[in-house]
Amino acid sequence: IVLSVTIDGEKHQITYEGTPRLEDAQDEVNIYTTLDGDVVADLSDHYMLYECYGDYYDFGYYNWMFIISPNSGSGDCFQLDIITGYNDKESGFAGEYVASDYLAKWSFIPGWTNMSQLLCSWYFTADQSELAPFRDGKMSIKDNGDGTLTVDIEAYDDRRNKITGHWTGVPQEYEQ
């Protein structure tokens, strides 16, 4: 087996000789979603909190986390961990994003867990009776020029359920 890859213009090659041992890893795949089908999230009475983590992943581009939650305390929620194409906080986080399993500019990081903690990008209800990690999809964040943002999300969970949401409002910076 020969693996050839080019990284930053430099070619690398690895050769494996021997009898490969292939196994079905299907039994090792964890499915976290509790959804039974597609979801169109109702974000009509929600707020958005955001926080800048700077170049958290030491990748050269700024990382932001944001949550869209219901004002009433019950309903649909989104949590997104994004990497912009900017290397400063002042440029903000408006842009077009796609899900990426590796660090990439203009991407959001798929959801995963650390014990019972939901990390990176997820859909969930406020009472966490429903939850789904984002595994694929796209998202746009548009600066409307009047202090408001419009966020459009089209994501897919680990069972390929489609999860969509649309939010417009004035985002609030998270203050610790």
Protein backbone atom coordinates (compact mmCIF):
# COMPACT_ATOMS: atom_id res chain seq x y z
CA ILE A 1 0.00 0.00 0.00
CA VAL A 2 1.46 3.35 -1.03
CA LEU A 3 0.19 6.66 0.32
CA SER A 4 1.30 9.75 -1.56
CA VAL A 5 0.37 13.20 -0.31
CA THR A 6 1.42 16.78 -1.03
CA ILE A 7 1.46 19.21 1.92
CA ASP A 8 2.32 22.85 1.30
CA GLY A 9 3.87 21.89 -2.05
CA GLU A 10 6.13 19.21 -0.53
CA LYS A 11 5.52 15.60 -1.62
CA HIS A 12 5.54 12.81 0.96
CA GLN A 13 5.21 9.07 0.38
CA ILE A 14 4.69 6.21 2.80
CA THR A 15 4.84 2.56 1.80
CA TYR A 16 3.36 -0.32 3.79
CA GLU A 17 4.45 -3.85 2.98
CA GLY A 18 2.83 -6.89 4.46
CA THR A 19 -0.61 -8.37 4.81
CA PRO A 20 -3.10 -5.68 5.79
CA ARG A 21 -5.66 -6.58 8.43
CA LEU A 22 -9.00 -5.05 7.59
CA GLU A 23 -11.87 -5.10 10.04
CA ASP A 24 -15.45 -3.92 9.98
CA ALA A 25 -15.45 -0.91 12.32
CA GLN A 26 -19.24 -0.50 12.12
CA ASP A 27 -19.71 -1.87 15.63
CA GLU A 28 -17.40 0.86 16.97
CA VAL A 29 -19.33 3.80 15.51
CA ASN A 30 -21.19 5.81 18.13
CA ILE A 31 -24.49 7.33 17.07
CA TYR A 32 -25.43 10.23 19.31
CA THR A 33 -28.50 11.67 17.64
CA THR A 34 -31.87 11.07 19.25
CA LEU A 35 -33.72 12.42 16.20
CA ASP A 36 -36.09 10.20 14.22
CA GLY A 37 -36.23 12.50 11.20
CA ASP A 38 -35.51 15.93 9.80
CA VAL A 39 -35.91 19.07 11.95
CA VAL A 40 -36.87 22.58 10.94
CA ALA A 41 -35.93 24.53 14.07
CA ASP A 42 -38.20 27.35 15.23
CA LEU A 43 -35.83 30.19 16.12
CA SER A 44 -38.44 32.97 16.04
CA ASP A 45 -38.07 34.05 19.70
CA HIS A 46 -34.40 33.35 20.33
CA TYR A 47 -31.22 35.16 21.28
CA MET A 48 -27.64 34.55 20.17
CA LEU A 49 -24.58 34.62 22.43
CA TYR A 50 -21.10 34.55 20.94
CA GLU A 51 -17.56 34.40 22.25
CA CYS A 52 -14.20 34.81 20.51
CA TYR A 53 -11.51 32.30 21.45
CA GLY A 54 -8.83 33.88 19.25
CA ASP A 55 -6.52 31.46 17.46
CA TYR A 56 -7.56 28.72 19.90
CA TYR A 57 -6.42 25.82 17.72
CA ASP A 58 -3.12 27.54 16.81
CA PHE A 59 -4.19 27.27 13.17
CA GLY A 60 -3.71 30.91 12.15
CA TYR A 61 -7.41 31.83 12.02
CA TYR A 62 -9.84 32.97 14.69
CA ASN A 63 -12.21 30.59 16.40
CA TRP A 64 -15.67 31.62 17.63
CA MET A 65 -18.35 29.77 19.57
CA PHE A 66 -21.97 30.78 19.52
CA ILE A 67 -25.27 29.54 20.88
CA ILE A 68 -28.77 30.34 19.67
CA SER A 69 -31.25 29.70 22.50
CA PRO A 70 -34.93 30.39 23.19
CA ASN A 71 -35.90 33.38 25.32
CA SER A 72 -38.62 31.26 26.95
CA GLY A 73 -36.22 28.58 28.19
CA SER A 74 -37.78 25.83 26.09
CA GLY A 75 -37.39 24.99 22.42
CA ASP A 76 -34.74 24.47 19.77
CA CYS A 77 -31.09 25.40 20.28
CA PHE A 78 -27.92 25.50 18.18
CA GLN A 79 -24.32 25.48 19.35
CA LEU A 80 -21.63 26.12 16.74
CA ASP A 81 -17.85 26.13 16.91
CA ILE A 82 -16.51 27.95 13.84
CA ILE A 83 -13.15 28.86 12.36
CA THR A 84 -13.15 32.02 10.27
CA GLY A 85 -10.80 33.04 7.50
CA TYR A 86 -9.67 36.02 9.59
CA ASN A 87 -6.70 36.29 11.93
CA ASP A 88 -8.10 39.07 14.12
CA LYS A 89 -11.16 39.63 16.32
CA GLU A 90 -12.14 42.93 14.70
CA SER A 91 -13.06 41.23 11.40
CA GLY A 92 -15.81 39.32 13.20
CA PHE A 93 -17.34 36.06 12.04
CA ALA A 94 -19.72 36.85 9.18
CA GLY A 95 -19.16 34.44 6.29
CA GLU A 96 -19.99 31.12 4.65
CA TYR A 97 -19.03 27.93 6.49
CA VAL A 98 -18.97 24.18 5.80
CA ALA A 99 -18.55 21.25 8.17
CA SER A 100 -14.99 19.96 8.33
CA ASP A 101 -13.45 17.02 10.20
CA TYR A 102 -10.08 18.77 10.10
CA LEU A 103 -9.03 22.34 10.86
CA ALA A 104 -9.96 24.49 7.89
CA LYS A 105 -10.75 28.15 7.49
CA TRP A 106 -14.43 28.98 6.93
CA SER A 107 -15.55 25.78 8.64
CA PHE A 108 -17.51 24.56 11.61
CA ILE A 109 -16.28 21.67 13.70
CA PRO A 110 -18.59 18.64 13.90
CA GLY A 111 -20.09 17.78 17.28
CA TRP A 112 -18.57 15.27 19.67
CA THR A 113 -18.75 14.51 23.37
CA ASN A 114 -16.39 14.49 26.31
CA MET A 115 -18.24 12.29 28.75
CA SER A 116 -21.65 14.02 28.92
CA GLN A 117 -20.49 17.44 27.66
CA LEU A 118 -21.57 18.46 24.13
CA LEU A 119 -18.57 19.98 22.35
CA CYS A 120 -18.35 21.91 19.08
CA SER A 121 -21.43 21.94 16.79
CA TRP A 122 -24.83 20.55 17.85
CA TYR A 123 -28.59 20.85 17.63
CA PHE A 124 -30.48 20.23 20.88
CA THR A 125 -33.64 21.19 22.69
CA ALA A 126 -33.34 23.34 25.80
CA ASP A 127 -34.30 20.38 28.01
CA GLN A 128 -31.89 18.17 26.01
CA SER A 129 -34.63 15.63 25.30
CA GLU A 130 -33.49 15.80 21.66
CA LEU A 131 -29.93 16.25 20.48
CA ALA A 132 -27.91 15.73 17.33
CA PRO A 133 -24.26 16.37 16.49
CA PHE A 134 -23.61 18.16 13.23
CA ARG A 135 -21.56 15.92 10.95
CA ASP A 136 -21.99 17.65 7.60
CA GLY A 137 -23.61 20.73 6.14
CA LYS A 138 -23.23 24.42 5.63
CA MET A 139 -24.04 27.65 7.38
CA SER A 140 -24.01 31.34 6.53
CA ILE A 141 -23.75 34.32 8.84
CA LYS A 142 -24.66 37.61 7.19
CA ASP A 143 -24.03 41.05 8.66
CA ASN A 144 -27.12 43.07 7.74
CA GLY A 145 -25.35 46.40 8.31
CA ASP A 146 -27.83 47.56 10.97
CA GLY A 147 -26.44 45.75 14.02
CA THR A 148 -28.30 42.53 13.21
CA LEU A 149 -27.04 39.26 11.84
CA THR A 150 -28.87 36.60 9.85
CA VAL A 151 -27.81 33.00 10.45
CA ASP A 152 -28.92 30.20 8.12
CA ILE A 153 -28.04 26.63 9.03
CA GLU A 154 -28.44 23.47 6.96
CA ALA A 155 -26.71 20.60 8.71
CA TYR A 156 -26.88 16.81 8.88
CA ASP A 157 -26.49 14.62 11.94
CA ASP A 158 -24.87 11.20 12.31
CA ARG A 159 -27.97 9.49 10.85
CA ARG A 160 -28.21 11.95 7.94
CA ASN A 161 -31.24 13.75 9.38
CA LYS A 162 -31.40 17.27 7.93
CA ILE A 163 -31.51 20.07 10.52
CA THR A 164 -32.28 23.61 9.38
CA GLY A 165 -32.71 26.90 11.15
CA HIS A 166 -32.98 30.61 10.35
CA TRP A 167 -32.31 33.37 12.90
CA THR A 168 -32.10 37.15 12.58
CA GLY A 169 -31.38 39.47 15.49
CA VAL A 170 -28.82 41.44 17.45
CA PRO A 171 -26.12 39.06 18.76
CA GLN A 172 -24.82 39.48 22.29
CA GLU A 173 -21.22 38.95 23.33
CA TYR A 174 -20.88 36.45 26.17
CA GLU A 175 -19.60 38.12 29.33
CA GLN A 176 -18.11 35.93 32.04
